[in-house]
Amino acid sequence: MPEPFCFRFRVRYNECDAQQVVFNARYGDYVDIAMTEFMRALGRDYKQLLAAGLDNQVVKLTIEWQSSARFDDVLDVFVSLQLLGNTSFTLQADIHRADDGAPVARSQAVYVMMTSEPFEKTPVPDDLRALLQAGAPGVVIDQSGRALKG
C-alpha cells in the first residue's frame, strides 16, 4: 500500500529559535502549507474552492511533538483524512525527518466547510467528499509545488 500524500521541504534558518530547533509556532505553518498542497494534489486548490463560492475554516489544530527538527533538516509531512462529517473534515499530518524517518510531530486539523457569501456552514460537496476519501496516495510534492513522484 502506498504512503499517504507527502509534502517535502527543508527547514530554513529563520524558522529556528534560540535553542537551535524549529520554533513551535512554525509547525502550524508547516501543517497549513502541507494541507494546502494536499488539496492541490486532490485537484481542488484554494482558488477553485473560492470560485465555487466555498471556503474552509480551521476550527481546531492540535500538535504533539515527538522530537525536534533543526536547521537544514528535510522534513516529510504525510497528510491523510481522519474523519469526514457532514460539514467538517479532519486531516492528520505526520511530520518525519526524511533522512531517517524519525517522527517529529503529529497534528490534526479540523476544517468546517463554509459558503463565502454569506459566511456560514454548508455540507462538504459530494465531489470534494469523494476526493478527500480517495486522498493522494504516493504523491510527493516539494516546496515548489512540483511532484517528486506519484
C-alpha atoms as a PDB file:
ATOM      1  CA  MET A   1       0.000   0.000   0.000  1.00  0.00           C
ATOM      2  CA  PRO A   2       1.486   3.397  -0.946  1.00  0.00           C
ATOM      3  CA  GLU A   3       2.247   6.005   1.683  1.00  0.00           C
ATOM      4  CA  PRO A   4      -0.230   8.868   2.011  1.00  0.00           C
ATOM      5  CA  PHE A   5       0.317  12.206   0.299  1.00  0.00           C
ATOM      6  CA  CYS A   6       3.639  13.797   1.274  1.00  0.00           C
ATOM      7  CA  PHE A   7       4.816  17.410   1.300  1.00  0.00           C
ATOM      8  CA  ARG A   8       8.650  17.608   1.478  1.00  0.00           C
ATOM      9  CA  PHE A   9      10.627  20.714   2.434  1.00  0.00           C
ATOM     10  CA  ARG A  10      13.847  21.896   4.062  1.00  0.00           C
ATOM     11  CA  VAL A  11      13.909  23.747   7.403  1.00  0.00           C
ATOM     12  CA  ARG A  12      15.227  27.275   6.928  1.00  0.00           C
ATOM     13  CA  TYR A  13      17.482  29.065   9.396  1.00  0.00           C
ATOM     14  CA  ASN A  14      14.908  31.751  10.245  1.00  0.00           C
ATOM     15  CA  GLU A  15      12.422  29.073  11.385  1.00  0.00           C
ATOM     16  CA  CYS A  16      14.650  28.092  14.320  1.00  0.00           C
ATOM     17  CA  ASP A  17      14.648  29.565  17.825  1.00  0.00           C
ATOM     18  CA  ALA A  18      17.331  30.333  20.401  1.00  0.00           C
ATOM     19  CA  GLN A  19      17.526  26.633  21.303  1.00  0.00           C
ATOM     20  CA  GLN A  20      18.509  25.960  17.661  1.00  0.00           C
ATOM     21  CA  VAL A  21      15.406  23.895  16.942  1.00  0.00           C
ATOM     22  CA  VAL A  22      12.322  24.748  14.889  1.00  0.00           C
ATOM     23  CA  PHE A  23      10.242  27.274  16.828  1.00  0.00           C
ATOM     24  CA  ASN A  24       6.977  25.640  17.969  1.00  0.00           C
ATOM     25  CA  ALA A  25       4.699  28.130  16.168  1.00  0.00           C
ATOM     26  CA  ARG A  26       6.302  27.240  12.811  1.00  0.00           C
ATOM     27  CA  TYR A  27       4.701  23.802  12.925  1.00  0.00           C
ATOM     28  CA  GLY A  28       1.298  25.421  12.379  1.00  0.00           C
ATOM     29  CA  ASP A  29       2.733  26.982   9.224  1.00  0.00           C
ATOM     30  CA  TYR A  30       4.151  23.633   8.097  1.00  0.00           C
ATOM     31  CA  VAL A  31       0.805  21.908   8.612  1.00  0.00           C
ATOM     32  CA  ASP A  32      -1.098  24.655   6.801  1.00  0.00           C
ATOM     33  CA  ILE A  33       1.224  24.533   3.791  1.00  0.00           C
ATOM     34  CA  ALA A  34       1.036  20.718   3.668  1.00  0.00           C
ATOM     35  CA  MET A  35      -2.763  20.794   3.843  1.00  0.00           C
ATOM     36  CA  THR A  36      -2.874  23.390   1.036  1.00  0.00           C
ATOM     37  CA  GLU A  37      -0.639  21.214  -1.162  1.00  0.00           C
ATOM     38  CA  PHE A  38      -2.732  18.134  -0.286  1.00  0.00           C
ATOM     39  CA  MET A  39      -5.860  19.896  -1.531  1.00  0.00           C
ATOM     40  CA  ARG A  40      -4.000  20.978  -4.677  1.00  0.00           C
ATOM     41  CA  ALA A  41      -2.918  17.347  -5.250  1.00  0.00           C
ATOM     42  CA  LEU A  42      -6.576  16.327  -4.991  1.00  0.00           C
ATOM     43  CA  GLY A  43      -7.337  18.734  -7.827  1.00  0.00           C
ATOM     44  CA  ARG A  44      -9.172  21.141  -5.552  1.00  0.00           C
ATOM     45  CA  ASP A  45      -6.921  24.079  -4.778  1.00  0.00           C
ATOM     46  CA  TYR A  46      -7.998  27.036  -2.687  1.00  0.00           C
ATOM     47  CA  LYS A  47      -8.735  29.241  -5.714  1.00  0.00           C
ATOM     48  CA  GLN A  48     -11.144  26.613  -7.038  1.00  0.00           C
ATOM     49  CA  LEU A  49     -12.966  26.460  -3.703  1.00  0.00           C
ATOM     50  CA  LEU A  50     -13.370  30.238  -3.661  1.00  0.00           C
ATOM     51  CA  ALA A  51     -14.537  30.267  -7.294  1.00  0.00           C
ATOM     52  CA  ALA A  52     -17.257  27.781  -6.312  1.00  0.00           C
ATOM     53  CA  GLY A  53     -18.413  30.098  -3.518  1.00  0.00           C
ATOM     54  CA  LEU A  54     -16.872  27.878  -0.845  1.00  0.00           C
ATOM     55  CA  ASP A  55     -14.218  28.204   1.796  1.00  0.00           C
ATOM     56  CA  ASN A  56     -12.938  26.089   4.649  1.00  0.00           C
ATOM     57  CA  GLN A  57     -12.112  27.302   8.107  1.00  0.00           C
ATOM     58  CA  VAL A  58      -9.784  25.704  10.650  1.00  0.00           C
ATOM     59  CA  VAL A  59     -11.710  25.349  13.907  1.00  0.00           C
ATOM     60  CA  LYS A  60      -9.209  23.162  15.767  1.00  0.00           C
ATOM     61  CA  LEU A  61      -5.499  22.473  15.386  1.00  0.00           C
ATOM     62  CA  THR A  62      -3.546  20.174  17.685  1.00  0.00           C
ATOM     63  CA  ILE A  63       0.150  19.381  17.559  1.00  0.00           C
ATOM     64  CA  GLU A  64       2.046  16.754  19.545  1.00  0.00           C
ATOM     65  CA  TRP A  65       5.834  16.739  19.346  1.00  0.00           C
ATOM     66  CA  GLN A  66       7.946  13.572  19.419  1.00  0.00           C
ATOM     67  CA  SER A  67      11.377  15.084  18.654  1.00  0.00           C
ATOM     68  CA  SER A  68      12.986  18.278  17.432  1.00  0.00           C
ATOM     69  CA  ALA A  69      13.627  19.423  13.891  1.00  0.00           C
ATOM     70  CA  ARG A  70      16.664  21.599  13.225  1.00  0.00           C
ATOM     71  CA  PHE A  71      18.024  23.936  10.587  1.00  0.00           C
ATOM     72  CA  ASP A  72      18.639  22.207   7.244  1.00  0.00           C
ATOM     73  CA  ASP A  73      16.640  19.064   8.135  1.00  0.00           C
ATOM     74  CA  VAL A  74      14.484  17.836   5.260  1.00  0.00           C
ATOM     75  CA  LEU A  75      11.017  17.049   6.575  1.00  0.00           C
ATOM     76  CA  ASP A  76       8.191  14.975   5.143  1.00  0.00           C
ATOM     77  CA  VAL A  77       4.625  15.832   6.120  1.00  0.00           C
ATOM     78  CA  PHE A  78       2.302  12.907   5.419  1.00  0.00           C
ATOM     79  CA  VAL A  79      -1.328  14.043   5.125  1.00  0.00           C
ATOM     80  CA  SER A  80      -4.334  11.756   5.434  1.00  0.00           C
ATOM     81  CA  LEU A  81      -8.061  12.062   6.020  1.00  0.00           C
ATOM     82  CA  GLN A  82      -9.025  11.026   9.550  1.00  0.00           C
ATOM     83  CA  LEU A  83     -12.706  11.910   9.734  1.00  0.00           C
ATOM     84  CA  LEU A  84     -15.314  13.121   7.268  1.00  0.00           C
ATOM     85  CA  GLY A  85     -18.519  14.580   8.675  1.00  0.00           C
ATOM     86  CA  ASN A  86     -21.425  16.399   7.109  1.00  0.00           C
ATOM     87  CA  THR A  87     -19.958  19.929   7.250  1.00  0.00           C
ATOM     88  CA  SER A  88     -16.449  19.201   8.518  1.00  0.00           C
ATOM     89  CA  PHE A  89     -13.407  17.035   7.904  1.00  0.00           C
ATOM     90  CA  THR A  90     -10.281  16.238   9.894  1.00  0.00           C
ATOM     91  CA  LEU A  91      -6.868  15.905   8.278  1.00  0.00           C
ATOM     92  CA  GLN A  92      -3.892  14.394  10.053  1.00  0.00           C
ATOM     93  CA  ALA A  93      -0.329  15.482   9.356  1.00  0.00           C
ATOM     94  CA  ASP A  94       2.531  13.228  10.448  1.00  0.00           C
ATOM     95  CA  ILE A  95       5.863  15.048  10.255  1.00  0.00           C
ATOM     96  CA  HIS A  96       9.038  12.942   9.909  1.00  0.00           C
ATOM     97  CA  ARG A  97      12.678  13.637   9.124  1.00  0.00           C
ATOM     98  CA  ALA A  98      13.197  12.483   5.551  1.00  0.00           C
ATOM     99  CA  ASP A  99      16.714  11.086   6.026  1.00  0.00           C
ATOM    100  CA  ASP A 100      15.919   8.594   8.808  1.00  0.00           C
ATOM    101  CA  GLY A 101      12.106   8.583   9.013  1.00  0.00           C
ATOM    102  CA  ALA A 102      12.175   9.643  12.669  1.00  0.00           C
ATOM    103  CA  PRO A 103       8.846  11.103  13.827  1.00  0.00           C
ATOM    104  CA  VAL A 104       8.968  14.792  14.699  1.00  0.00           C
ATOM    105  CA  ALA A 105       5.325  15.756  15.289  1.00  0.00           C
ATOM    106  CA  ARG A 106       1.723  14.782  14.648  1.00  0.00           C
ATOM    107  CA  SER A 107      -1.031  17.279  14.002  1.00  0.00           C
ATOM    108  CA  GLN A 108      -4.753  17.121  13.457  1.00  0.00           C
ATOM    109  CA  ALA A 109      -6.672  19.960  11.838  1.00  0.00           C
ATOM    110  CA  VAL A 110     -10.458  20.143  11.833  1.00  0.00           C
ATOM    111  CA  TYR A 111     -11.925  22.132   8.951  1.00  0.00           C
ATOM    112  CA  VAL A 112     -15.500  23.355   8.601  1.00  0.00           C
ATOM    113  CA  MET A 113     -16.860  23.893   5.095  1.00  0.00           C
ATOM    114  CA  MET A 114     -18.302  27.374   4.653  1.00  0.00           C
ATOM    115  CA  THR A 115     -20.067  29.347   1.970  1.00  0.00           C
ATOM    116  CA  SER A 116     -18.239  32.550   1.078  1.00  0.00           C
ATOM    117  CA  GLU A 117     -21.388  34.726   0.823  1.00  0.00           C
ATOM    118  CA  PRO A 118     -22.943  34.623   3.346  1.00  0.00           C
ATOM    119  CA  PHE A 119     -20.206  33.126   5.524  1.00  0.00           C
ATOM    120  CA  GLU A 120     -21.987  30.103   7.048  1.00  0.00           C
ATOM    121  CA  LYS A 121     -21.587  26.350   7.433  1.00  0.00           C
ATOM    122  CA  THR A 122     -22.501  24.166   4.494  1.00  0.00           C
ATOM    123  CA  PRO A 123     -22.175  20.451   3.719  1.00  0.00           C
ATOM    124  CA  VAL A 124     -18.939  19.183   2.182  1.00  0.00           C
ATOM    125  CA  PRO A 125     -19.791  18.880  -1.539  1.00  0.00           C
ATOM    126  CA  ASP A 126     -20.063  15.311  -2.837  1.00  0.00           C
ATOM    127  CA  ASP A 127     -17.213  15.747  -5.335  1.00  0.00           C
ATOM    128  CA  LEU A 128     -14.857  17.064  -2.636  1.00  0.00           C
ATOM    129  CA  ARG A 129     -16.027  14.300  -0.290  1.00  0.00           C
ATOM    130  CA  ALA A 130     -15.007  11.688  -2.881  1.00  0.00           C
ATOM    131  CA  LEU A 131     -11.626  13.378  -3.444  1.00  0.00           C
ATOM    132  CA  LEU A 132     -10.902  13.515   0.299  1.00  0.00           C
ATOM    133  CA  GLN A 133     -11.798   9.844   0.684  1.00  0.00           C
ATOM    134  CA  ALA A 134      -9.532   8.841  -2.215  1.00  0.00           C
ATOM    135  CA  GLY A 135      -6.655  11.013  -0.978  1.00  0.00           C
ATOM    136  CA  ALA A 136      -3.465  11.292  -2.996  1.00  0.00           C
ATOM    137  CA  PRO A 137      -1.543   8.150  -2.009  1.00  0.00           C
ATOM    138  CA  GLY A 138       2.055   8.008  -3.146  1.00  0.00           C
ATOM    139  CA  VAL A 139       2.131  11.640  -4.310  1.00  0.00           C
ATOM    140  CA  VAL A 140       5.160  13.589  -3.052  1.00  0.00           C
ATOM    141  CA  ILE A 141       5.256  17.362  -3.601  1.00  0.00           C
ATOM    142  CA  ASP A 142       8.224  19.634  -2.841  1.00  0.00           C
ATOM    143  CA  GLN A 143       8.244  23.305  -1.772  1.00  0.00           C
ATOM    144  CA  SER A 144       7.895  24.456  -5.353  1.00  0.00           C
ATOM    145  CA  GLY A 145       4.657  22.519  -5.740  1.00  0.00           C
ATOM    146  CA  ARG A 146       6.297  20.071  -8.149  1.00  0.00           C
ATOM    147  CA  ALA A 147       5.604  16.353  -7.889  1.00  0.00           C
ATOM    148  CA  LEU A 148       8.637  14.286  -6.956  1.00  0.00           C
ATOM    149  CA  LYS A 149       6.738  11.036  -7.563  1.00  0.00           C
ATOM    150  CA  GLY A 150       3.201   9.775  -7.733  1.00  0.00           C
END
